[in-house]
Amino acid sequence: MSEPSSTEQQGLRTGLRRRHMTMLAIGGAIGAGLFVGSGSVIGTAGPAAILSYAAAGLLVLCVMRALGEMVVARPVAGSLAEYSRMALGPFAGFTIGWLYWYLYVILVGAEAVAGAAILASWIDLPQWVLSAGLLIVMTAVNLVSVKSFGEFEFWFASIKVVAIVLFLVIGAAWVFGLWPDAEAGFGNLTAFGGFAPNGVTGIFSAIVIVMFAFGGTEIVTVAAAESREPGQAVARATNNVLWRVGLFYVASIFLVVTILPWNDAQVLKSPFVSALDRMGVPAAGTIMEVVILTAVLSVLNSAIYVSSRMLYVLTRDGDAPASLVKVNKRGVPARAVLLGTVAAWGAVIASYVSPDKVFNFLVSSIGVVLAFVYLAIMFSQLRLRARLRREDPSALTYRMWGYPYISWAVIIAIFAVFVAMATKDDQRYQLIAATVSLLIVAAVYPLRAKLGRKAPVREVEVLQH
């Protein structure tokens, strides 16, 4: 038997199974944004936050369908950046790849800070020490193997799903008068300024917050290179999981604004804890703290994974130092993992040194950055679909609905969200921060070309159906 080639020795391993991929999609999309960030959405849209979640879920579902079409037709590892490169050129591939890496690196730092804030109420240590501990532990998990990452994510996501299902059961029992001392009815949906107290603008302004909460489902396509079921199975899992996640979000927010007045200060601060307290669930605060910590660790785990794999992909096209493409004997791009963690440390340091300026700028930008990535996916799908119809129509076995009309409708809807944000004083800064981040990344590309950095000679990594 011949020895494996150096390429085979250095390649990523296929250690992720179907259950890992399913829970990776669920875990990536259900983060602390649902349990805590939903208060901000409710404060912006009132009970009509239900519509914000439904509209954002529909938008993301269409984006994932478009991405699924490309995954099936041209299943390429590192799909998000690679499809932009295929359809829109190397500049787009470079920009989207680095923006996506930036998004998840900042998310690593932000989740480490959030997790430390929870642990600080239980452990008498400085929060920066706790942030460091979380980063070290989750980085170690990702360095062991992709299977180790998948197992942790499976159990983290399982805990979140169980928590949401229990909340839905208890909340529905309360609303319909089946819970002890319950106040049945739907009066809170209209009693305090109407169903949409802040108007249509409030509904649209909340959508970008919700889109970021849904963000993470696309991680499945990034993980496809290390899955035993790429191609059609990845696209199917992506879309099937998303409607379940949408049900979790829409149904749980519906129950929150039905159980409690939307403008209650505690609802805006911690909606799920407030709802559980109102229903008389013992130790509601402690229970939700455990669930939120699990959600934080889940997102932290997957964010470290995604940032390292996107960096690995960027090296293939000469958009990052070639040394980062190397993997260890367990098939893990260890240098890419470590570089992402080191970069995330910058966000953690900023959260303590300059929380109101630097850290606020970094965190404010990432929600809209994800919307930029979604726009790139939609434009890429439009271009690739047109090309495939001319060159290889047989590859279009999994199609975007209503092409090209729905694709353009999604693009227009995302721009409409940007316009709504620009009219709101408290959200305009997020749009500006993300645009500045985009311009900075785009400005680096000419410098890269000027320095003569060329893509290594390689075969494109195509996933097998």
Protein backbone atom coordinates (compact mmCIF):
# COMPACT_ATOMS: atom_id res chain seq x y z
CA MET A 1 0.00 0.00 0.00
CA SER A 2 1.40 3.38 -1.01
CA GLU A 3 1.92 6.16 1.49
CA PRO A 4 -0.62 9.00 1.40
CA SER A 5 0.50 12.11 -0.41
CA SER A 6 1.43 15.26 1.46
CA THR A 7 -1.80 16.84 0.25
CA GLU A 8 -3.82 14.01 1.77
CA GLN A 9 -1.88 14.20 4.99
CA GLN A 10 -2.54 17.93 5.26
CA GLY A 11 -6.20 17.96 4.26
CA LEU A 12 -9.19 18.49 6.48
CA ARG A 13 -10.77 15.34 7.93
CA THR A 14 -14.39 14.29 7.46
CA GLY A 15 -15.25 13.92 11.14
CA LEU A 16 -18.69 15.56 11.22
CA ARG A 17 -21.74 13.29 11.06
CA ARG A 18 -25.39 14.03 10.26
CA ARG A 19 -26.34 14.74 13.89
CA HIS A 20 -23.37 17.09 14.21
CA MET A 21 -24.37 18.99 11.07
CA THR A 22 -28.01 19.28 12.16
CA MET A 23 -27.14 20.58 15.61
CA LEU A 24 -24.42 22.81 14.16
CA ALA A 25 -27.06 24.61 12.11
CA ILE A 26 -29.44 24.85 15.09
CA GLY A 27 -26.71 25.79 17.55
CA GLY A 28 -25.28 28.46 15.27
CA ALA A 29 -28.67 30.13 14.87
CA ILE A 30 -29.89 29.92 18.48
CA GLY A 31 -27.55 32.01 20.55
CA ALA A 32 -27.83 34.41 23.45
CA GLY A 33 -29.48 36.78 20.96
CA LEU A 34 -32.75 34.91 21.42
CA PHE A 35 -32.67 34.76 25.21
CA VAL A 36 -31.33 38.28 25.85
CA GLY A 37 -31.18 40.25 22.59
CA SER A 38 -34.87 39.66 21.88
CA GLY A 39 -35.61 42.31 24.52
CA SER A 40 -34.10 44.94 22.23
CA VAL A 41 -36.24 43.70 19.33
CA ILE A 42 -39.39 43.86 21.46
CA GLY A 43 -38.46 47.38 22.59
CA THR A 44 -38.04 48.49 18.96
CA ALA A 45 -41.14 46.86 17.43
CA GLY A 46 -43.46 46.13 20.36
CA PRO A 47 -45.65 43.02 19.99
CA ALA A 48 -45.04 43.37 16.23
CA ALA A 49 -41.62 41.90 16.99
CA ILE A 50 -43.42 38.69 16.02
CA LEU A 51 -43.57 40.06 12.47
CA SER A 52 -39.93 41.16 12.60
CA TYR A 53 -38.88 37.62 13.49
CA ALA A 54 -41.15 36.09 10.86
CA ALA A 55 -39.95 38.49 8.13
CA ALA A 56 -36.28 38.04 9.02
CA GLY A 57 -36.76 34.27 9.13
CA LEU A 58 -38.30 34.33 5.66
CA LEU A 59 -35.44 36.46 4.31
CA VAL A 60 -32.80 34.16 5.78
CA LEU A 61 -34.69 31.11 4.51
CA CYS A 62 -34.53 32.52 0.98
CA VAL A 63 -30.83 33.31 1.38
CA MET A 64 -30.15 29.76 2.55
CA ARG A 65 -32.18 28.36 -0.35
CA ALA A 66 -30.06 30.39 -2.77
CA LEU A 67 -26.91 29.17 -1.05
CA GLY A 68 -28.22 25.61 -1.16
CA GLU A 69 -28.71 25.89 -4.92
CA MET A 70 -25.04 26.81 -5.35
CA VAL A 71 -23.86 24.13 -2.92
CA VAL A 72 -25.64 21.42 -4.91
CA ALA A 73 -24.69 22.71 -8.35
CA ARG A 74 -21.07 23.52 -7.50
CA PRO A 75 -20.23 21.96 -4.12
CA VAL A 76 -16.98 23.70 -3.19
CA ALA A 77 -15.30 23.81 0.20
CA GLY A 78 -15.36 27.28 1.74
CA SER A 79 -18.49 28.06 -0.20
CA LEU A 80 -19.31 31.58 1.03
CA ALA A 81 -16.10 33.18 -0.22
CA GLU A 82 -15.67 30.76 -3.13
CA TYR A 83 -19.07 31.49 -4.70
CA SER A 84 -18.42 35.23 -4.50
CA ARG A 85 -15.11 34.60 -6.25
CA MET A 86 -16.74 32.44 -8.94
CA ALA A 87 -19.60 34.82 -9.65
CA LEU A 88 -18.30 38.30 -8.87
CA GLY A 89 -14.51 37.98 -9.17
CA PRO A 90 -11.44 37.72 -6.91
CA PHE A 91 -12.06 41.13 -5.29
CA ALA A 92 -15.48 39.97 -4.05
CA GLY A 93 -14.08 36.64 -2.86
CA PHE A 94 -11.33 38.40 -0.92
CA THR A 95 -13.67 40.98 0.61
CA ILE A 96 -16.45 38.58 1.61
CA GLY A 97 -14.00 36.00 2.95
CA TRP A 98 -12.21 38.49 5.19
CA LEU A 99 -15.45 40.20 6.27
CA TYR A 100 -16.86 36.84 7.30
CA TRP A 101 -13.66 36.02 9.21
CA TYR A 102 -13.80 39.43 10.88
CA LEU A 103 -17.44 38.89 11.87
CA TYR A 104 -16.72 35.62 13.62
CA VAL A 105 -13.49 36.75 15.27
CA ILE A 106 -15.30 39.70 16.85
CA LEU A 107 -18.10 37.32 17.82
CA VAL A 108 -15.55 35.08 19.59
CA GLY A 109 -14.39 38.05 21.67
CA ALA A 110 -17.91 39.29 22.37
CA GLU A 111 -19.14 35.86 23.48
CA ALA A 112 -16.10 35.38 25.73
CA VAL A 113 -16.93 38.70 27.41
CA ALA A 114 -20.62 37.77 27.72
CA GLY A 115 -19.80 34.36 29.19
CA ALA A 116 -17.42 35.92 31.71
CA ALA A 117 -20.13 38.35 32.84
CA ILE A 118 -22.39 35.38 33.68
CA LEU A 119 -19.64 33.40 35.42
CA ALA A 120 -18.64 36.43 37.50
CA SER A 121 -21.86 36.09 39.51
CA TRP A 122 -20.81 32.56 40.49
CA ILE A 123 -17.00 32.72 40.56
CA ASP A 124 -15.10 35.40 42.47
CA LEU A 125 -12.48 36.19 39.82
CA PRO A 126 -11.85 39.22 37.57
CA GLN A 127 -13.93 39.06 34.40
CA TRP A 128 -10.87 39.29 32.15
CA VAL A 129 -9.52 36.12 33.78
CA LEU A 130 -12.82 34.35 33.16
CA SER A 131 -12.85 35.56 29.53
CA ALA A 132 -9.35 34.19 29.10
CA GLY A 133 -10.37 30.88 30.63
CA LEU A 134 -13.32 30.49 28.25
CA LEU A 135 -11.15 31.34 25.22
CA ILE A 136 -8.48 28.84 26.28
CA VAL A 137 -10.96 26.02 26.90
CA MET A 138 -12.93 26.43 23.68
CA THR A 139 -9.76 26.93 21.63
CA ALA A 140 -8.44 23.66 23.07
CA VAL A 141 -11.67 21.90 22.06
CA ASN A 142 -11.22 23.09 18.48
CA LEU A 143 -7.55 22.09 18.42
CA VAL A 144 -8.24 18.47 19.40
CA SER A 145 -10.21 17.47 16.28
CA VAL A 146 -13.22 18.44 14.21
CA LYS A 147 -15.10 15.56 15.84
CA SER A 148 -14.39 17.08 19.27
CA PHE A 149 -15.81 20.38 18.07
CA GLY A 150 -18.87 18.58 16.65
CA GLU A 151 -19.56 16.65 19.85
CA PHE A 152 -19.41 19.76 22.04
CA GLU A 153 -21.69 21.63 19.65
CA PHE A 154 -24.14 18.72 19.55
CA TRP A 155 -24.62 18.75 23.32
CA PHE A 156 -24.62 22.54 23.64
CA ALA A 157 -27.31 22.79 20.96
CA SER A 158 -29.31 19.95 22.52
CA ILE A 159 -29.53 21.82 25.83
CA LYS A 160 -30.76 24.96 24.04
CA VAL A 161 -33.40 23.06 22.08
CA VAL A 162 -34.70 21.33 25.23
CA ALA A 163 -34.87 24.68 27.04
CA ILE A 164 -36.85 26.33 24.24
CA VAL A 165 -39.26 23.40 23.89
CA LEU A 166 -39.96 23.45 27.64
CA PHE A 167 -40.55 27.20 27.50
CA LEU A 168 -42.99 26.77 24.61
CA VAL A 169 -44.92 24.06 26.48
CA ILE A 170 -45.14 26.03 29.75
CA GLY A 171 -45.89 29.32 27.96
CA ALA A 172 -48.67 27.79 25.85
CA ALA A 173 -50.19 26.24 28.97
CA TRP A 174 -50.22 29.67 30.63
CA VAL A 175 -51.74 31.49 27.63
CA PHE A 176 -54.53 28.94 27.27
CA GLY A 177 -55.29 28.79 31.00
CA LEU A 178 -53.88 25.33 31.63
CA TRP A 179 -51.19 26.48 34.09
CA PRO A 180 -51.92 27.05 37.81
CA ASP A 181 -53.07 30.66 38.47
CA ALA A 182 -52.71 31.45 34.77
CA GLU A 183 -54.18 34.61 33.27
CA ALA A 184 -55.31 33.29 29.91
CA GLY A 185 -55.83 35.55 26.94
CA PHE A 186 -54.10 37.70 24.32
CA GLY A 187 -54.87 41.17 25.65
CA ASN A 188 -51.21 42.19 26.02
CA LEU A 189 -50.77 42.03 22.23
CA THR A 190 -52.80 45.23 21.76
CA ALA A 191 -53.28 46.81 25.18
CA PHE A 192 -50.23 49.12 25.29
CA GLY A 193 -50.19 51.32 22.22
CA GLY A 194 -51.47 48.72 19.81
CA PHE A 195 -49.84 45.74 18.10
CA ALA A 196 -47.26 47.91 16.32
CA PRO A 197 -46.78 50.91 18.66
CA ASN A 198 -43.71 52.16 16.76
CA GLY A 199 -45.17 51.67 13.31
CA VAL A 200 -43.83 49.92 10.23
CA THR A 201 -40.44 51.60 10.64
CA GLY A 202 -40.03 49.89 14.01
CA ILE A 203 -40.76 46.50 12.45
CA PHE A 204 -38.20 47.01 9.68
CA SER A 205 -35.60 48.50 12.01
CA ALA A 206 -35.75 45.42 14.19
CA ILE A 207 -35.23 43.05 11.26
CA VAL A 208 -31.44 43.50 11.06
CA ILE A 209 -31.14 42.61 14.76
CA VAL A 210 -33.20 39.50 14.12
CA MET A 211 -31.27 38.60 10.96
CA PHE A 212 -28.10 38.49 13.02
CA ALA A 213 -29.88 36.32 15.60
CA PHE A 214 -30.79 33.89 12.80
CA GLY A 215 -27.25 34.06 11.43
CA GLY A 216 -25.28 30.87 11.91
CA THR A 217 -27.33 28.48 9.81
CA GLU A 218 -24.92 29.10 6.94
CA ILE A 219 -22.17 27.54 9.05
CA VAL A 220 -23.30 24.18 7.68
CA THR A 221 -21.92 25.08 4.25
CA VAL A 222 -18.59 26.10 5.77
CA ALA A 223 -18.45 22.79 7.64
CA ALA A 224 -19.32 20.79 4.51
CA ALA A 225 -15.66 20.09 3.74
CA GLU A 226 -15.44 18.08 6.97
CA SER A 227 -18.82 16.39 6.69
CA ARG A 228 -19.60 12.89 5.47
CA GLU A 229 -22.74 14.27 3.78
CA PRO A 230 -21.83 17.30 1.65
CA GLY A 231 -23.67 18.53 -1.43
CA GLN A 232 -27.40 17.75 -1.52
CA ALA A 233 -27.52 16.64 2.12
CA VAL A 234 -26.01 19.94 3.30
CA ALA A 235 -28.53 22.01 1.36
CA ARG A 236 -31.42 19.91 2.62
CA ALA A 237 -30.25 20.11 6.23
CA THR A 238 -29.81 23.88 5.95
CA ASN A 239 -33.36 24.56 4.82
CA ASN A 240 -35.04 21.94 7.02
CA VAL A 241 -33.31 23.23 10.12
CA LEU A 242 -34.11 26.87 9.42
CA TRP A 243 -37.88 26.53 9.56
CA ARG A 244 -37.53 24.73 12.88
CA VAL A 245 -35.37 27.54 14.21
CA GLY A 246 -37.88 30.05 12.87
CA LEU A 247 -40.65 28.24 14.71
CA PHE A 248 -38.63 28.39 17.92
CA TYR A 249 -38.02 32.12 17.55
CA VAL A 250 -41.46 33.27 16.36
CA ALA A 251 -43.40 31.04 18.77
CA SER A 252 -41.28 31.92 21.79
CA ILE A 253 -41.44 35.68 21.12
CA PHE A 254 -45.20 35.40 20.59
CA LEU A 255 -45.52 33.83 24.03
CA VAL A 256 -43.30 36.44 25.70
CA VAL A 257 -45.32 39.42 24.41
CA THR A 258 -48.59 37.60 25.18
CA ILE A 259 -47.64 36.76 28.76
CA LEU A 260 -46.25 40.21 29.64
CA PRO A 261 -46.73 43.83 28.50
CA TRP A 262 -44.15 44.56 25.79
CA ASN A 263 -43.03 47.84 27.45
CA ASP A 264 -42.31 46.29 30.85
CA ALA A 265 -38.74 47.27 31.82
CA GLN A 266 -37.86 43.73 32.85
CA VAL A 267 -39.11 42.33 29.53
CA LEU A 268 -36.76 44.65 27.67
CA LYS A 269 -33.87 43.60 29.91
CA SER A 270 -34.43 39.85 30.16
CA PRO A 271 -37.65 38.71 28.43
CA PHE A 272 -37.46 34.97 29.11
CA VAL A 273 -36.56 35.33 32.78
CA SER A 274 -39.41 37.83 33.21
CA ALA A 275 -41.89 35.49 31.53
CA LEU A 276 -40.82 32.53 33.66
CA ASP A 277 -41.01 34.65 36.83
CA ARG A 278 -44.53 35.76 35.88
CA MET A 279 -45.58 32.12 35.47
CA GLY A 280 -44.14 31.27 38.87
CA VAL A 281 -41.38 28.93 37.68
CA PRO A 282 -38.98 28.38 40.62
CA ALA A 283 -35.39 29.65 40.22
CA ALA A 284 -36.21 31.08 36.78
CA GLY A 285 -33.24 33.45 36.82
CA THR A 286 -30.71 30.73 37.64
CA ILE A 287 -32.18 28.35 35.07
CA MET A 288 -31.95 30.95 32.31
CA GLU A 289 -28.43 31.95 33.32
CA VAL A 290 -27.36 28.32 32.80
CA VAL A 291 -29.16 28.19 29.44
CA ILE A 292 -27.69 31.52 28.32
CA LEU A 293 -24.20 30.41 29.35
CA THR A 294 -24.70 27.25 27.29
CA ALA A 295 -25.81 29.39 24.34
CA VAL A 296 -22.76 31.61 24.74
CA LEU A 297 -20.38 28.62 24.85
CA SER A 298 -22.09 27.12 21.81
CA VAL A 299 -21.65 30.27 19.73
CA LEU A 300 -18.09 30.70 21.04
CA ASN A 301 -17.28 27.13 20.01
CA SER A 302 -18.74 27.46 16.52
CA ALA A 303 -17.30 30.96 15.99
CA ILE A 304 -13.76 29.71 16.65
CA TYR A 305 -14.38 26.86 14.21
CA VAL A 306 -15.83 29.07 11.45
CA SER A 307 -13.15 31.76 11.69
CA SER A 308 -10.40 29.15 11.38
CA ARG A 309 -11.99 27.40 8.39
CA MET A 310 -12.64 30.64 6.54
CA LEU A 311 -9.02 31.62 7.09
CA TYR A 312 -7.99 28.19 5.81
CA VAL A 313 -10.04 28.80 2.66
CA LEU A 314 -8.56 32.28 2.16
CA THR A 315 -5.06 30.77 2.01
CA ARG A 316 -6.05 28.62 -0.97
CA ASP A 317 -6.64 31.67 -3.13
CA GLY A 318 -3.58 33.56 -1.95
CA ASP A 319 -5.66 35.91 0.21
CA ALA A 320 -3.87 34.95 3.45
CA PRO A 321 -0.36 33.74 4.35
CA ALA A 322 0.31 30.29 2.91
CA SER A 323 1.54 28.95 6.26
CA LEU A 324 -2.01 29.12 7.65
CA VAL A 325 -3.19 26.35 5.32
CA LYS A 326 -1.13 23.73 7.17
CA VAL A 327 -3.00 21.29 9.37
CA ASN A 328 -1.81 19.08 12.20
CA LYS A 329 -1.87 15.28 12.21
CA ARG A 330 -5.53 15.33 13.33
CA GLY A 331 -6.57 17.37 10.30
CA VAL A 332 -7.04 20.64 12.21
CA PRO A 333 -5.71 23.96 10.79
CA ALA A 334 -4.16 24.77 14.16
CA ARG A 335 -2.41 27.96 13.07
CA ALA A 336 -5.66 29.37 11.70
CA VAL A 337 -7.45 28.47 14.96
CA LEU A 338 -4.79 30.17 17.07
CA LEU A 339 -4.63 33.30 14.90
CA GLY A 340 -8.40 33.72 15.21
CA THR A 341 -8.18 33.38 18.99
CA VAL A 342 -5.34 35.90 19.18
CA ALA A 343 -7.35 38.37 17.06
CA ALA A 344 -10.38 37.79 19.32
CA TRP A 345 -8.20 38.77 22.26
CA GLY A 346 -8.10 42.25 20.72
CA ALA A 347 -11.88 42.49 21.10
CA VAL A 348 -11.70 41.20 24.69
CA ILE A 349 -9.04 43.77 25.60
CA ALA A 350 -11.09 46.51 23.93
CA SER A 351 -14.11 45.55 26.03
CA TYR A 352 -12.19 46.49 29.19
CA VAL A 353 -9.97 49.31 27.88
CA SER A 354 -12.46 51.09 25.59
CA PRO A 355 -15.92 49.58 26.06
CA ASP A 356 -17.86 52.62 24.81
CA LYS A 357 -15.75 53.33 21.71
CA VAL A 358 -13.63 50.52 20.23
CA PHE A 359 -15.59 47.54 21.56
CA ASN A 360 -18.93 49.20 20.84
CA PHE A 361 -17.78 49.90 17.27
CA LEU A 362 -16.68 46.27 16.74
CA VAL A 363 -19.84 44.69 18.14
CA SER A 364 -22.15 47.21 16.47
CA SER A 365 -20.74 46.43 13.04
CA ILE A 366 -21.13 42.65 12.94
CA GLY A 367 -24.93 42.47 12.55
CA VAL A 368 -24.90 44.56 9.38
CA VAL A 369 -21.74 42.80 8.15
CA LEU A 370 -23.77 39.58 8.10
CA ALA A 371 -26.38 41.38 5.99
CA PHE A 372 -23.56 42.36 3.58
CA VAL A 373 -22.60 38.68 3.34
CA TYR A 374 -26.22 37.77 2.61
CA LEU A 375 -26.29 40.34 -0.21
CA ALA A 376 -23.15 38.78 -1.68
CA ILE A 377 -24.80 35.34 -1.56
CA MET A 378 -27.85 36.61 -3.43
CA PHE A 379 -25.87 38.44 -6.12
CA SER A 380 -23.64 35.37 -6.52
CA GLN A 381 -26.68 33.12 -6.92
CA LEU A 382 -28.12 35.37 -9.63
CA ARG A 383 -24.87 35.33 -11.62
CA LEU A 384 -24.12 31.62 -11.18
CA ARG A 385 -27.68 30.58 -11.96
CA ALA A 386 -27.56 32.50 -15.26
CA ARG A 387 -24.19 30.92 -16.11
CA LEU A 388 -25.34 27.40 -15.26
CA ARG A 389 -28.48 27.78 -17.35
CA ARG A 390 -26.20 28.41 -20.36
CA GLU A 391 -23.37 25.99 -19.61
CA ASP A 392 -24.67 23.14 -17.42
CA PRO A 393 -28.46 23.18 -16.80
CA SER A 394 -28.37 19.57 -15.56
CA ALA A 395 -26.52 20.78 -12.43
CA LEU A 396 -29.59 22.76 -11.32
CA THR A 397 -31.31 19.94 -9.45
CA TYR A 398 -31.98 22.06 -6.35
CA ARG A 399 -33.30 25.49 -7.26
CA MET A 400 -34.04 28.84 -5.71
CA TRP A 401 -37.76 29.56 -5.70
CA GLY A 402 -39.19 32.04 -8.21
CA TYR A 403 -35.89 32.90 -9.90
CA PRO A 404 -35.00 35.69 -10.49
CA TYR A 405 -37.90 37.57 -8.87
CA ILE A 406 -37.57 36.27 -5.31
CA SER A 407 -33.79 36.70 -5.42
CA TRP A 408 -34.21 40.37 -6.36
CA ALA A 409 -37.01 40.78 -3.80
CA VAL A 410 -34.65 39.59 -1.04
CA ILE A 411 -31.96 42.03 -2.20
CA ILE A 412 -34.46 44.91 -2.24
CA ALA A 413 -35.76 43.90 1.21
CA ILE A 414 -32.26 43.96 2.70
CA PHE A 415 -31.62 47.42 1.25
CA ALA A 416 -34.99 48.51 2.67
CA VAL A 417 -33.79 47.38 6.08
CA PHE A 418 -30.67 49.53 5.64
CA VAL A 419 -32.84 52.54 4.80
CA ALA A 420 -34.99 51.93 7.88
CA MET A 421 -31.85 51.73 10.02
CA ALA A 422 -30.54 54.98 8.57
CA THR A 423 -33.68 56.77 9.79
CA LYS A 424 -33.25 55.58 13.39
CA ASP A 425 -30.75 57.47 15.53
CA ASP A 426 -29.99 54.45 17.71
CA GLN A 427 -29.31 52.15 14.71
CA ARG A 428 -27.59 54.50 12.26
CA TYR A 429 -24.29 53.94 14.07
CA GLN A 430 -24.44 50.19 13.37
CA LEU A 431 -24.83 50.84 9.66
CA ILE A 432 -21.94 53.31 9.67
CA ALA A 433 -19.67 50.96 11.66
CA ALA A 434 -20.33 48.05 9.27
CA THR A 435 -19.78 50.25 6.21
CA VAL A 436 -16.45 51.47 7.62
CA SER A 437 -15.43 47.83 8.25
CA LEU A 438 -16.36 46.94 4.66
CA LEU A 439 -14.36 49.86 3.24
CA ILE A 440 -11.31 48.94 5.32
CA VAL A 441 -11.33 45.34 4.08
CA ALA A 442 -11.94 46.47 0.48
CA ALA A 443 -9.07 48.96 0.72
CA VAL A 444 -6.62 46.18 1.60
CA TYR A 445 -7.26 44.29 -1.65
CA PRO A 446 -5.35 46.70 -3.95
CA LEU A 447 -2.46 46.55 -1.49
CA ARG A 448 -2.51 42.76 -1.73
CA ALA A 449 -2.44 42.94 -5.53
CA LYS A 450 0.34 45.56 -5.46
CA LEU A 451 2.52 43.32 -3.32
CA GLY A 452 2.17 40.59 -5.91
CA ARG A 453 0.61 37.98 -3.68
CA LYS A 454 -0.53 35.28 -6.09
CA ALA A 455 -2.82 32.35 -5.47
CA PRO A 456 -0.98 29.04 -5.06
CA VAL A 457 -1.32 26.53 -7.84
CA ARG A 458 -4.00 24.15 -6.62
CA GLU A 459 -7.01 22.14 -7.53
CA VAL A 460 -10.28 23.62 -6.28
CA GLU A 461 -11.60 21.52 -3.40
CA VAL A 462 -14.81 20.08 -4.77
CA LEU A 463 -17.03 18.14 -2.39
CA GLN A 464 -18.30 14.76 -3.49
CA HIS A 465 -22.08 14.20 -3.64
